[in-house]
Amino acid sequence: MSNPNKIILGLLGAAAVGVALGILLSPEKGGEVRKKIADKAGDIASRIGEFISTSKGKMDDAADTVANNSKSFAEGVASS
């Protein structure tokens, strides 16, 4: 895993822990706190899923570009 990915995952993890601690230390009833934690966890999971989906699409596009450029380069070398 590359450094930017580690940094992003570390920030997401730290944010999740911060949210959970903030909710746990709030002066609300247990049921309300558990519901808020579940809602926030679902939101974070959704955002991570969107990030992964977007990243996958970008990687697919980059792979296609590299393949097309490589093919064009090879054709240019072969015709020389």
C-alpha atoms as a PDB file:
ATOM      1  CA  MET A   1       0.000   0.000   0.000  1.00  0.00           C
ATOM      2  CA  SER A   2       1.427   3.384  -0.941  1.00  0.00           C
ATOM      3  CA  ASN A   3       1.942   6.294   1.444  1.00  0.00           C
ATOM      4  CA  PRO A   4      -1.001   8.422   0.187  1.00  0.00           C
ATOM      5  CA  ASN A   5      -3.347   5.474   0.725  1.00  0.00           C
ATOM      6  CA  LYS A   6      -1.984   4.904   4.225  1.00  0.00           C
ATOM      7  CA  ILE A   7      -2.442   8.576   5.043  1.00  0.00           C
ATOM      8  CA  ILE A   8      -6.039   8.603   3.782  1.00  0.00           C
ATOM      9  CA  LEU A   9      -6.935   5.434   5.682  1.00  0.00           C
ATOM     10  CA  GLY A  10      -5.244   6.794   8.805  1.00  0.00           C
ATOM     11  CA  LEU A  11      -7.216  10.038   8.584  1.00  0.00           C
ATOM     12  CA  LEU A  12     -10.480   8.162   8.039  1.00  0.00           C
ATOM     13  CA  GLY A  13      -9.747   5.913  11.006  1.00  0.00           C
ATOM     14  CA  ALA A  14      -8.838   8.850  13.219  1.00  0.00           C
ATOM     15  CA  ALA A  15     -12.008  10.684  12.194  1.00  0.00           C
ATOM     16  CA  ALA A  16     -14.125   7.628  12.992  1.00  0.00           C
ATOM     17  CA  VAL A  17     -12.516   7.249  16.418  1.00  0.00           C
ATOM     18  CA  GLY A  18     -12.967  10.961  17.107  1.00  0.00           C
ATOM     19  CA  VAL A  19     -16.643  10.857  16.194  1.00  0.00           C
ATOM     20  CA  ALA A  20     -17.240   7.752  18.298  1.00  0.00           C
ATOM     21  CA  LEU A  21     -15.465   9.222  21.330  1.00  0.00           C
ATOM     22  CA  GLY A  22     -17.313  12.508  20.969  1.00  0.00           C
ATOM     23  CA  ILE A  23     -20.638  10.725  20.890  1.00  0.00           C
ATOM     24  CA  LEU A  24     -19.747   8.384  23.761  1.00  0.00           C
ATOM     25  CA  LEU A  25     -18.710  11.288  25.980  1.00  0.00           C
ATOM     26  CA  SER A  26     -21.850  13.291  25.275  1.00  0.00           C
ATOM     27  CA  PRO A  27     -24.499  13.599  28.005  1.00  0.00           C
ATOM     28  CA  GLU A  28     -27.193  11.564  26.203  1.00  0.00           C
ATOM     29  CA  LYS A  29     -28.973   8.280  26.916  1.00  0.00           C
ATOM     30  CA  GLY A  30     -27.319   5.030  25.837  1.00  0.00           C
ATOM     31  CA  GLY A  31     -29.894   4.158  23.179  1.00  0.00           C
ATOM     32  CA  GLU A  32     -29.542   7.547  21.553  1.00  0.00           C
ATOM     33  CA  VAL A  33     -25.755   7.275  21.599  1.00  0.00           C
ATOM     34  CA  ARG A  34     -25.809   3.800  20.026  1.00  0.00           C
ATOM     35  CA  LYS A  35     -28.151   5.031  17.287  1.00  0.00           C
ATOM     36  CA  LYS A  36     -25.873   8.010  16.537  1.00  0.00           C
ATOM     37  CA  ILE A  37     -22.814   5.743  16.402  1.00  0.00           C
ATOM     38  CA  ALA A  38     -24.594   3.368  14.034  1.00  0.00           C
ATOM     39  CA  ASP A  39     -25.702   6.276  11.815  1.00  0.00           C
ATOM     40  CA  LYS A  40     -22.201   7.765  11.689  1.00  0.00           C
ATOM     41  CA  ALA A  41     -20.631   4.357  11.008  1.00  0.00           C
ATOM     42  CA  GLY A  42     -23.048   3.821   8.135  1.00  0.00           C
ATOM     43  CA  ASP A  43     -22.230   7.265   6.750  1.00  0.00           C
ATOM     44  CA  ILE A  44     -18.493   6.627   6.962  1.00  0.00           C
ATOM     45  CA  ALA A  45     -18.874   3.215   5.327  1.00  0.00           C
ATOM     46  CA  SER A  46     -20.875   4.808   2.526  1.00  0.00           C
ATOM     47  CA  ARG A  47     -18.208   7.460   1.956  1.00  0.00           C
ATOM     48  CA  ILE A  48     -15.459   4.832   1.898  1.00  0.00           C
ATOM     49  CA  GLY A  49     -17.459   2.817  -0.635  1.00  0.00           C
ATOM     50  CA  GLU A  50     -17.869   5.888  -2.847  1.00  0.00           C
ATOM     51  CA  PHE A  51     -14.143   6.655  -2.558  1.00  0.00           C
ATOM     52  CA  ILE A  52     -13.209   3.100  -3.537  1.00  0.00           C
ATOM     53  CA  SER A  53     -15.637   3.121  -6.451  1.00  0.00           C
ATOM     54  CA  THR A  54     -14.327   6.452  -7.722  1.00  0.00           C
ATOM     55  CA  SER A  55     -10.718   5.331  -7.308  1.00  0.00           C
ATOM     56  CA  LYS A  56     -11.411   2.105  -9.188  1.00  0.00           C
ATOM     57  CA  GLY A  57     -12.913   4.064 -12.079  1.00  0.00           C
ATOM     58  CA  LYS A  58      -9.903   6.368 -12.209  1.00  0.00           C
ATOM     59  CA  MET A  59      -7.515   3.413 -12.138  1.00  0.00           C
ATOM     60  CA  ASP A  60      -9.426   1.716 -14.972  1.00  0.00           C
ATOM     61  CA  ASP A  61      -9.225   4.908 -17.043  1.00  0.00           C
ATOM     62  CA  ALA A  62      -5.498   5.228 -16.343  1.00  0.00           C
ATOM     63  CA  ALA A  63      -4.917   1.596 -17.324  1.00  0.00           C
ATOM     64  CA  ASP A  64      -6.792   2.130 -20.594  1.00  0.00           C
ATOM     65  CA  THR A  65      -4.733   5.244 -21.331  1.00  0.00           C
ATOM     66  CA  VAL A  66      -1.469   3.424 -20.653  1.00  0.00           C
ATOM     67  CA  ALA A  67      -2.531   0.498 -22.843  1.00  0.00           C
ATOM     68  CA  ASN A  68      -3.520   2.810 -25.699  1.00  0.00           C
ATOM     69  CA  ASN A  69      -0.310   4.842 -25.439  1.00  0.00           C
ATOM     70  CA  SER A  70       1.782   1.676 -25.338  1.00  0.00           C
ATOM     71  CA  LYS A  71       0.023   0.316 -28.411  1.00  0.00           C
ATOM     72  CA  SER A  72       0.547   3.588 -30.297  1.00  0.00           C
ATOM     73  CA  PHE A  73       4.211   3.665 -29.286  1.00  0.00           C
ATOM     74  CA  ALA A  74       4.732   0.053 -30.366  1.00  0.00           C
ATOM     75  CA  GLU A  75       3.061   0.739 -33.718  1.00  0.00           C
ATOM     76  CA  GLY A  76       5.289   3.794 -34.197  1.00  0.00           C
ATOM     77  CA  VAL A  77       8.431   1.806 -33.411  1.00  0.00           C
ATOM     78  CA  ALA A  78       7.359  -1.029 -35.716  1.00  0.00           C
ATOM     79  CA  SER A  79       6.724   1.336 -38.631  1.00  0.00           C
ATOM     80  CA  SER A  80      10.123   3.060 -38.257  1.00  0.00           C
END
